[in-house]
Amino acid sequence: MDLSKKTTVLLSPDLYEQLTQLAAQKGVSMGQLMREACEKTYRLSTRQHRLEAVRTLSTLCLPVGDVSRMKQESVPSPDELLP
């Protein structure tokens, strides 16, 4: 990971203490903790992370029906929508 940009964030003493303890519990730096929080909160991700997620999803063995059956299960018929 290319970490070449720096920023300063001012935190309240209570928040700083909580984040310091959380970082220690997780075994990561405060910076890593904040980077992960930003990525999760704002849904930021690198192309590599997205590709890894797709690869992970493709290995799952989930019970899935054929396309017509899935459509029947997911899209209500007009009779179900209209009184």
PDB file of N, CA and C in Angstrom:
ATOM      1  N   MET A   1       0.848  -1.170   0.000  1.00  0.00           N
ATOM      2  CA  MET A   1       0.000   0.000   0.000  1.00  0.00           C
ATOM      3  C   MET A   1       0.896   1.236   0.000  1.00  0.00           C
ATOM      4  N   ASP A   2       0.607   2.137  -0.905  1.00  0.00           N
ATOM      5  CA  ASP A   2       1.376   3.371  -1.017  1.00  0.00           C
ATOM      6  C   ASP A   2       0.796   4.407  -0.065  1.00  0.00           C
ATOM      7  N   LEU A   3       1.500   4.655   1.032  1.00  0.00           N
ATOM      8  CA  LEU A   3       1.051   5.647   2.005  1.00  0.00           C
ATOM      9  C   LEU A   3       1.933   6.882   1.878  1.00  0.00           C
ATOM     10  N   SER A   4       1.524   7.797   1.012  1.00  0.00           N
ATOM     11  CA  SER A   4       2.358   8.963   0.774  1.00  0.00           C
ATOM     12  C   SER A   4       1.664  10.278   1.095  1.00  0.00           C
ATOM     13  N   LYS A   5       0.416  10.229   1.541  1.00  0.00           N
ATOM     14  CA  LYS A   5      -0.321  11.437   1.899  1.00  0.00           C
ATOM     15  C   LYS A   5      -0.543  11.446   3.402  1.00  0.00           C
ATOM     16  N   LYS A   6      -0.415  12.626   3.981  1.00  0.00           N
ATOM     17  CA  LYS A   6      -0.540  12.751   5.422  1.00  0.00           C
ATOM     18  C   LYS A   6      -1.589  13.799   5.747  1.00  0.00           C
ATOM     19  N   THR A   7      -2.343  13.554   6.813  1.00  0.00           N
ATOM     20  CA  THR A   7      -3.326  14.523   7.275  1.00  0.00           C
ATOM     21  C   THR A   7      -3.315  14.557   8.790  1.00  0.00           C
ATOM     22  N   THR A   8      -3.815  15.631   9.345  1.00  0.00           N
ATOM     23  CA  THR A   8      -3.915  15.776  10.794  1.00  0.00           C
ATOM     24  C   THR A   8      -5.387  15.828  11.162  1.00  0.00           C
ATOM     25  N   VAL A   9      -5.769  15.020  12.130  1.00  0.00           N
ATOM     26  CA  VAL A   9      -7.151  14.972  12.584  1.00  0.00           C
ATOM     27  C   VAL A   9      -7.164  15.275  14.074  1.00  0.00           C
ATOM     28  N   LEU A  10      -7.998  16.218  14.474  1.00  0.00           N
ATOM     29  CA  LEU A  10      -8.124  16.540  15.885  1.00  0.00           C
ATOM     30  C   LEU A  10      -9.275  15.745  16.478  1.00  0.00           C
ATOM     31  N   LEU A  11      -9.005  15.066  17.594  1.00  0.00           N
ATOM     32  CA  LEU A  11      -9.994  14.228  18.256  1.00  0.00           C
ATOM     33  C   LEU A  11     -10.188  14.701  19.692  1.00  0.00           C
ATOM     34  N   SER A  12     -11.363  14.442  20.223  1.00  0.00           N
ATOM     35  CA  SER A  12     -11.579  14.725  21.641  1.00  0.00           C
ATOM     36  C   SER A  12     -10.738  13.733  22.452  1.00  0.00           C
ATOM     37  N   PRO A  13     -10.387  14.081  23.678  1.00  0.00           N
ATOM     38  CA  PRO A  13      -9.604  13.145  24.494  1.00  0.00           C
ATOM     39  C   PRO A  13     -10.306  11.792  24.672  1.00  0.00           C
ATOM     40  N   ASP A  14     -11.620  11.805  24.852  1.00  0.00           N
ATOM     41  CA  ASP A  14     -12.344  10.545  25.029  1.00  0.00           C
ATOM     42  C   ASP A  14     -12.280   9.674  23.772  1.00  0.00           C
ATOM     43  N   LEU A  15     -12.528  10.291  22.613  1.00  0.00           N
ATOM     44  CA  LEU A  15     -12.486   9.536  21.359  1.00  0.00           C
ATOM     45  C   LEU A  15     -11.082   9.014  21.099  1.00  0.00           C
ATOM     46  N   TYR A  16     -10.081   9.837  21.364  1.00  0.00           N
ATOM     47  CA  TYR A  16      -8.690   9.417  21.170  1.00  0.00           C
ATOM     48  C   TYR A  16      -8.386   8.194  22.035  1.00  0.00           C
ATOM     49  N   GLU A  17      -8.812   8.234  23.289  1.00  0.00           N
ATOM     50  CA  GLU A  17      -8.554   7.122  24.205  1.00  0.00           C
ATOM     51  C   GLU A  17      -9.254   5.850  23.725  1.00  0.00           C
ATOM     52  N   GLN A  18     -10.508   5.973  23.302  1.00  0.00           N
ATOM     53  CA  GLN A  18     -11.244   4.807  22.817  1.00  0.00           C
ATOM     54  C   GLN A  18     -10.598   4.219  21.572  1.00  0.00           C
ATOM     55  N   LEU A  19     -10.194   5.075  20.647  1.00  0.00           N
ATOM     56  CA  LEU A  19      -9.565   4.583  19.416  1.00  0.00           C
ATOM     57  C   LEU A  19      -8.202   3.967  19.687  1.00  0.00           C
ATOM     58  N   THR A  20      -7.458   4.551  20.625  1.00  0.00           N
ATOM     59  CA  THR A  20      -6.154   3.997  20.997  1.00  0.00           C
ATOM     60  C   THR A  20      -6.325   2.592  21.564  1.00  0.00           C
ATOM     61  N   GLN A  21      -7.319   2.419  22.437  1.00  0.00           N
ATOM     62  CA  GLN A  21      -7.573   1.101  23.023  1.00  0.00           C
ATOM     63  C   GLN A  21      -8.041   0.104  21.956  1.00  0.00           C
ATOM     64  N   LEU A  22      -8.911   0.554  21.071  1.00  0.00           N
ATOM     65  CA  LEU A  22      -9.404  -0.329  20.011  1.00  0.00           C
ATOM     66  C   LEU A  22      -8.266  -0.768  19.085  1.00  0.00           C
ATOM     67  N   ALA A  23      -7.409   0.177  18.720  1.00  0.00           N
ATOM     68  CA  ALA A  23      -6.264  -0.154  17.857  1.00  0.00           C
ATOM     69  C   ALA A  23      -5.365  -1.181  18.541  1.00  0.00           C
ATOM     70  N   ALA A  24      -5.140  -1.002  19.849  1.00  0.00           N
ATOM     71  CA  ALA A  24      -4.302  -1.948  20.594  1.00  0.00           C
ATOM     72  C   ALA A  24      -4.958  -3.331  20.641  1.00  0.00           C
ATOM     73  N   GLN A  25      -6.264  -3.375  20.861  1.00  0.00           N
ATOM     74  CA  GLN A  25      -6.976  -4.651  20.900  1.00  0.00           C
ATOM     75  C   GLN A  25      -6.889  -5.380  19.569  1.00  0.00           C
ATOM     76  N   LYS A  26      -6.985  -4.618  18.473  1.00  0.00           N
ATOM     77  CA  LYS A  26      -6.937  -5.215  17.143  1.00  0.00           C
ATOM     78  C   LYS A  26      -5.506  -5.472  16.677  1.00  0.00           C
ATOM     79  N   GLY A  27      -4.540  -4.893  17.374  1.00  0.00           N
ATOM     80  CA  GLY A  27      -3.143  -5.075  16.981  1.00  0.00           C
ATOM     81  C   GLY A  27      -2.768  -4.308  15.732  1.00  0.00           C
ATOM     82  N   VAL A  28      -3.406  -3.148  15.530  1.00  0.00           N
ATOM     83  CA  VAL A  28      -3.101  -2.306  14.371  1.00  0.00           C
ATOM     84  C   VAL A  28      -2.767  -0.901  14.856  1.00  0.00           C
ATOM     85  N   SER A  29      -2.205  -0.120  13.969  1.00  0.00           N
ATOM     86  CA  SER A  29      -1.896   1.263  14.316  1.00  0.00           C
ATOM     87  C   SER A  29      -3.168   2.102  14.279  1.00  0.00           C
ATOM     88  N   MET A  30      -3.099   3.270  14.902  1.00  0.00           N
ATOM     89  CA  MET A  30      -4.231   4.193  14.864  1.00  0.00           C
ATOM     90  C   MET A  30      -4.527   4.581  13.416  1.00  0.00           C
ATOM     91  N   GLY A  31      -3.500   4.793  12.623  1.00  0.00           N
ATOM     92  CA  GLY A  31      -3.677   5.147  11.221  1.00  0.00           C
ATOM     93  C   GLY A  31      -4.405   4.062  10.447  1.00  0.00           C
ATOM     94  N   GLN A  32      -4.012   2.794  10.672  1.00  0.00           N
ATOM     95  CA  GLN A  32      -4.670   1.677   9.994  1.00  0.00           C
ATOM     96  C   GLN A  32      -6.127   1.587  10.414  1.00  0.00           C
ATOM     97  N   LEU A  33      -6.384   1.781  11.696  1.00  0.00           N
ATOM     98  CA  LEU A  33      -7.758   1.748  12.200  1.00  0.00           C
ATOM     99  C   LEU A  33      -8.613   2.813  11.510  1.00  0.00           C
ATOM    100  N   MET A  34      -8.067   4.010  11.365  1.00  0.00           N
ATOM    101  CA  MET A  34      -8.808   5.106  10.737  1.00  0.00           C
ATOM    102  C   MET A  34      -8.987   4.869   9.236  1.00  0.00           C
ATOM    103  N   ARG A  35      -7.963   4.323   8.574  1.00  0.00           N
ATOM    104  CA  ARG A  35      -8.103   4.026   7.144  1.00  0.00           C
ATOM    105  C   ARG A  35      -9.214   3.005   6.919  1.00  0.00           C
ATOM    106  N   GLU A  36      -9.238   1.951   7.750  1.00  0.00           N
ATOM    107  CA  GLU A  36     -10.277   0.931   7.607  1.00  0.00           C
ATOM    108  C   GLU A  36     -11.660   1.523   7.867  1.00  0.00           C
ATOM    109  N   ALA A  37     -11.767   2.396   8.869  1.00  0.00           N
ATOM    110  CA  ALA A  37     -13.057   3.025   9.182  1.00  0.00           C
ATOM    111  C   ALA A  37     -13.527   3.887   8.012  1.00  0.00           C
ATOM    112  N   CYS A  38     -12.617   4.623   7.401  1.00  0.00           N
ATOM    113  CA  CYS A  38     -12.980   5.463   6.258  1.00  0.00           C
ATOM    114  C   CYS A  38     -13.438   4.613   5.082  1.00  0.00           C
ATOM    115  N   GLU A  39     -12.727   3.524   4.813  1.00  0.00           N
ATOM    116  CA  GLU A  39     -13.099   2.652   3.694  1.00  0.00           C
ATOM    117  C   GLU A  39     -14.475   2.048   3.915  1.00  0.00           C
ATOM    118  N   LYS A  40     -14.755   1.606   5.134  1.00  0.00           N
ATOM    119  CA  LYS A  40     -16.050   0.993   5.427  1.00  0.00           C
ATOM    120  C   LYS A  40     -17.161   2.034   5.447  1.00  0.00           C
ATOM    121  N   THR A  41     -16.922   3.149   6.093  1.00  0.00           N
ATOM    122  CA  THR A  41     -17.957   4.170   6.239  1.00  0.00           C
ATOM    123  C   THR A  41     -18.349   4.775   4.905  1.00  0.00           C
ATOM    124  N   TYR A  42     -17.365   5.071   4.078  1.00  0.00           N
ATOM    125  CA  TYR A  42     -17.633   5.739   2.807  1.00  0.00           C
ATOM    126  C   TYR A  42     -17.592   4.783   1.627  1.00  0.00           C
ATOM    127  N   ARG A  43     -17.527   3.485   1.934  1.00  0.00           N
ATOM    128  CA  ARG A  43     -17.532   2.437   0.917  1.00  0.00           C
ATOM    129  C   ARG A  43     -16.455   2.646  -0.149  1.00  0.00           C
ATOM    130  N   LEU A  44     -15.282   3.006   0.330  1.00  0.00           N
ATOM    131  CA  LEU A  44     -14.147   3.214  -0.568  1.00  0.00           C
ATOM    132  C   LEU A  44     -13.375   1.902  -0.662  1.00  0.00           C
ATOM    133  N   SER A  45     -12.944   1.580  -1.834  1.00  0.00           N
ATOM    134  CA  SER A  45     -12.231   0.331  -2.023  1.00  0.00           C
ATOM    135  C   SER A  45     -11.340   0.438  -3.252  1.00  0.00           C
ATOM    136  N   THR A  46     -10.285  -0.329  -3.218  1.00  0.00           N
ATOM    137  CA  THR A  46      -9.413  -0.376  -4.387  1.00  0.00           C
ATOM    138  C   THR A  46      -9.935  -1.428  -5.353  1.00  0.00           C
ATOM    139  N   ARG A  47      -9.496  -1.345  -6.564  1.00  0.00           N
ATOM    140  CA  ARG A  47      -9.890  -2.343  -7.570  1.00  0.00           C
ATOM    141  C   ARG A  47      -9.491  -3.737  -7.108  1.00  0.00           C
ATOM    142  N   GLN A  48      -8.326  -3.845  -6.495  1.00  0.00           N
ATOM    143  CA  GLN A  48      -7.834  -5.138  -6.022  1.00  0.00           C
ATOM    144  C   GLN A  48      -8.784  -5.710  -4.954  1.00  0.00           C
ATOM    145  N   HIS A  49      -9.238  -4.885  -4.018  1.00  0.00           N
ATOM    146  CA  HIS A  49     -10.156  -5.366  -2.988  1.00  0.00           C
ATOM    147  C   HIS A  49     -11.485  -5.823  -3.593  1.00  0.00           C
ATOM    148  N   ARG A  50     -11.975  -5.093  -4.581  1.00  0.00           N
ATOM    149  CA  ARG A  50     -13.232  -5.471  -5.222  1.00  0.00           C
ATOM    150  C   ARG A  50     -13.078  -6.796  -5.959  1.00  0.00           C
ATOM    151  N   LEU A  51     -11.957  -6.990  -6.643  1.00  0.00           N
ATOM    152  CA  LEU A  51     -11.716  -8.244  -7.353  1.00  0.00           C
ATOM    153  C   LEU A  51     -11.600  -9.414  -6.377  1.00  0.00           C
ATOM    154  N   GLU A  52     -10.953  -9.180  -5.229  1.00  0.00           N
ATOM    155  CA  GLU A  52     -10.851 -10.224  -4.213  1.00  0.00           C
ATOM    156  C   GLU A  52     -12.234 -10.598  -3.694  1.00  0.00           C
ATOM    157  N   ALA A  53     -13.097  -9.608  -3.509  1.00  0.00           N
ATOM    158  CA  ALA A  53     -14.455  -9.870  -3.036  1.00  0.00           C
ATOM    159  C   ALA A  53     -15.225 -10.704  -4.055  1.00  0.00           C
ATOM    160  N   VAL A  54     -15.071 -10.390  -5.345  1.00  0.00           N
ATOM    161  CA  VAL A  54     -15.751 -11.160  -6.391  1.00  0.00           C
ATOM    162  C   VAL A  54     -15.238 -12.596  -6.396  1.00  0.00           C
ATOM    163  N   ARG A  55     -13.931 -12.766  -6.250  1.00  0.00           N
ATOM    164  CA  ARG A  55     -13.368 -14.114  -6.220  1.00  0.00           C
ATOM    165  C   ARG A  55     -13.922 -14.906  -5.034  1.00  0.00           C
ATOM    166  N   THR A  56     -14.018 -14.254  -3.894  1.00  0.00           N
ATOM    167  CA  THR A  56     -14.552 -14.912  -2.703  1.00  0.00           C
ATOM    168  C   THR A  56     -16.004 -15.322  -2.921  1.00  0.00           C
ATOM    169  N   LEU A  57     -16.802 -14.418  -3.472  1.00  0.00           N
ATOM    170  CA  LEU A  57     -18.212 -14.727  -3.731  1.00  0.00           C
ATOM    171  C   LEU A  57     -18.357 -15.870  -4.721  1.00  0.00           C
ATOM    172  N   SER A  58     -17.472 -15.929  -5.697  1.00  0.00           N
ATOM    173  CA  SER A  58     -17.584 -16.973  -6.718  1.00  0.00           C
ATOM    174  C   SER A  58     -17.270 -18.357  -6.167  1.00  0.00           C
ATOM    175  N   THR A  59     -16.605 -18.449  -5.031  1.00  0.00           N
ATOM    176  CA  THR A  59     -16.275 -19.754  -4.448  1.00  0.00           C
ATOM    177  C   THR A  59     -17.369 -20.277  -3.526  1.00  0.00           C
ATOM    178  N   LEU A  60     -18.361 -19.433  -3.212  1.00  0.00           N
ATOM    179  CA  LEU A  60     -19.423 -19.868  -2.311  1.00  0.00           C
ATOM    180  C   LEU A  60     -20.341 -20.872  -2.995  1.00  0.00           C
ATOM    181  N   CYS A  61     -20.747 -21.858  -2.264  1.00  0.00           N
ATOM    182  CA  CYS A  61     -21.693 -22.860  -2.773  1.00  0.00           C
ATOM    183  C   CYS A  61     -23.034 -22.600  -2.095  1.00  0.00           C
ATOM    184  N   LEU A  62     -23.837 -21.762  -2.723  1.00  0.00           N
ATOM    185  CA  LEU A  62     -25.121 -21.389  -2.150  1.00  0.00           C
ATOM    186  C   LEU A  62     -26.249 -22.077  -2.902  1.00  0.00           C
ATOM    187  N   PRO A  63     -27.340 -22.380  -2.203  1.00  0.00           N
ATOM    188  CA  PRO A  63     -28.474 -22.997  -2.888  1.00  0.00           C
ATOM    189  C   PRO A  63     -29.166 -21.979  -3.795  1.00  0.00           C
ATOM    190  N   VAL A  64     -29.042 -22.188  -5.079  1.00  0.00           N
ATOM    191  CA  VAL A  64     -29.609 -21.269  -6.056  1.00  0.00           C
ATOM    192  C   VAL A  64     -30.384 -22.080  -7.082  1.00  0.00           C
ATOM    193  N   GLY A  65     -31.593 -21.601  -7.386  1.00  0.00           N
ATOM    194  CA  GLY A  65     -32.410 -22.274  -8.384  1.00  0.00           C
ATOM    195  C   GLY A  65     -32.070 -21.791  -9.783  1.00  0.00           C
ATOM    196  N   ASP A  66     -32.811 -22.297 -10.757  1.00  0.00           N
ATOM    197  CA  ASP A  66     -32.598 -21.814 -12.116  1.00  0.00           C
ATOM    198  C   ASP A  66     -33.190 -20.404 -12.244  1.00  0.00           C
ATOM    199  N   VAL A  67     -32.907 -19.747 -13.343  1.00  0.00           N
ATOM    200  CA  VAL A  67     -33.275 -18.343 -13.526  1.00  0.00           C
ATOM    201  C   VAL A  67     -34.781 -18.134 -13.429  1.00  0.00           C
ATOM    202  N   SER A  68     -35.573 -18.972 -14.078  1.00  0.00           N
ATOM    203  CA  SER A  68     -37.026 -18.781 -14.053  1.00  0.00           C
ATOM    204  C   SER A  68     -37.574 -18.943 -12.637  1.00  0.00           C
ATOM    205  N   ARG A  69     -37.052 -19.884 -11.894  1.00  0.00           N
ATOM    206  CA  ARG A  69     -37.493 -20.092 -10.510  1.00  0.00           C
ATOM    207  C   ARG A  69     -37.112 -18.887  -9.642  1.00  0.00           C
ATOM    208  N   MET A  70     -35.916 -18.362  -9.815  1.00  0.00           N
ATOM    209  CA  MET A  70     -35.482 -17.208  -9.028  1.00  0.00           C
ATOM    210  C   MET A  70     -36.337 -15.991  -9.344  1.00  0.00           C
ATOM    211  N   LYS A  71     -36.711 -15.807 -10.614  1.00  0.00           N
ATOM    212  CA  LYS A  71     -37.585 -14.699 -10.982  1.00  0.00           C
ATOM    213  C   LYS A  71     -38.945 -14.829 -10.306  1.00  0.00           C
ATOM    214  N   GLN A  72     -39.469 -16.034 -10.285  1.00  0.00           N
ATOM    215  CA  GLN A  72     -40.755 -16.262  -9.630  1.00  0.00           C
ATOM    216  C   GLN A  72     -40.683 -15.936  -8.138  1.00  0.00           C
ATOM    217  N   GLU A  73     -39.553 -16.259  -7.520  1.00  0.00           N
ATOM    218  CA  GLU A  73     -39.390 -16.037  -6.090  1.00  0.00           C
ATOM    219  C   GLU A  73     -39.111 -14.577  -5.745  1.00  0.00           C
ATOM    220  N   SER A  74     -38.523 -13.836  -6.667  1.00  0.00           N
ATOM    221  CA  SER A  74     -38.094 -12.478  -6.341  1.00  0.00           C
ATOM    222  C   SER A  74     -38.999 -11.377  -6.867  1.00  0.00           C
ATOM    223  N   VAL A  75     -39.773 -11.636  -7.927  1.00  0.00           N
ATOM    224  CA  VAL A  75     -40.619 -10.610  -8.523  1.00  0.00           C
ATOM    225  C   VAL A  75     -42.069 -11.023  -8.349  1.00  0.00           C
ATOM    226  N   PRO A  76     -42.849 -10.206  -7.624  1.00  0.00           N
ATOM    227  CA  PRO A  76     -44.263 -10.573  -7.453  1.00  0.00           C
ATOM    228  C   PRO A  76     -45.024 -10.488  -8.760  1.00  0.00           C
ATOM    229  N   SER A  77     -46.020 -11.310  -8.875  1.00  0.00           N
ATOM    230  CA  SER A  77     -46.849 -11.260 -10.077  1.00  0.00           C
ATOM    231  C   SER A  77     -47.759 -10.047 -10.000  1.00  0.00           C
ATOM    232  N   PRO A  78     -48.291  -9.579 -11.156  1.00  0.00           N
ATOM    233  CA  PRO A  78     -49.192  -8.428 -11.140  1.00  0.00           C
ATOM    234  C   PRO A  78     -50.403  -8.640 -10.228  1.00  0.00           C
ATOM    235  N   ASP A  79     -50.894  -9.868 -10.159  1.00  0.00           N
ATOM    236  CA  ASP A  79     -52.042 -10.161  -9.290  1.00  0.00           C
ATOM    237  C   ASP A  79     -51.714  -9.926  -7.819  1.00  0.00           C
ATOM    238  N   GLU A  80     -50.480 -10.140  -7.459  1.00  0.00           N
ATOM    239  CA  GLU A  80     -50.082  -9.917  -6.066  1.00  0.00           C
ATOM    240  C   GLU A  80     -49.978  -8.423  -5.754  1.00  0.00           C
ATOM    241  N   LEU A  81     -49.687  -7.619  -6.759  1.00  0.00           N
ATOM    242  CA  LEU A  81     -49.500  -6.186  -6.548  1.00  0.00           C
ATOM    243  C   LEU A  81     -50.801  -5.392  -6.628  1.00  0.00           C
ATOM    244  N   LEU A  82     -51.726  -5.867  -7.461  1.00  0.00           N
ATOM    245  CA  LEU A  82     -52.982  -5.123  -7.680  1.00  0.00           C
ATOM    246  C   LEU A  82     -54.103  -5.702  -6.827  1.00  0.00           C
ATOM    247  N   PRO A  83     -54.958  -4.838  -6.279  1.00  0.00           N
ATOM    248  CA  PRO A  83     -56.083  -5.337  -5.455  1.00  0.00           C
ATOM    249  C   PRO A  83     -57.145  -6.018  -6.294  1.00  0.00           C
TER     250      PRO A  83
END
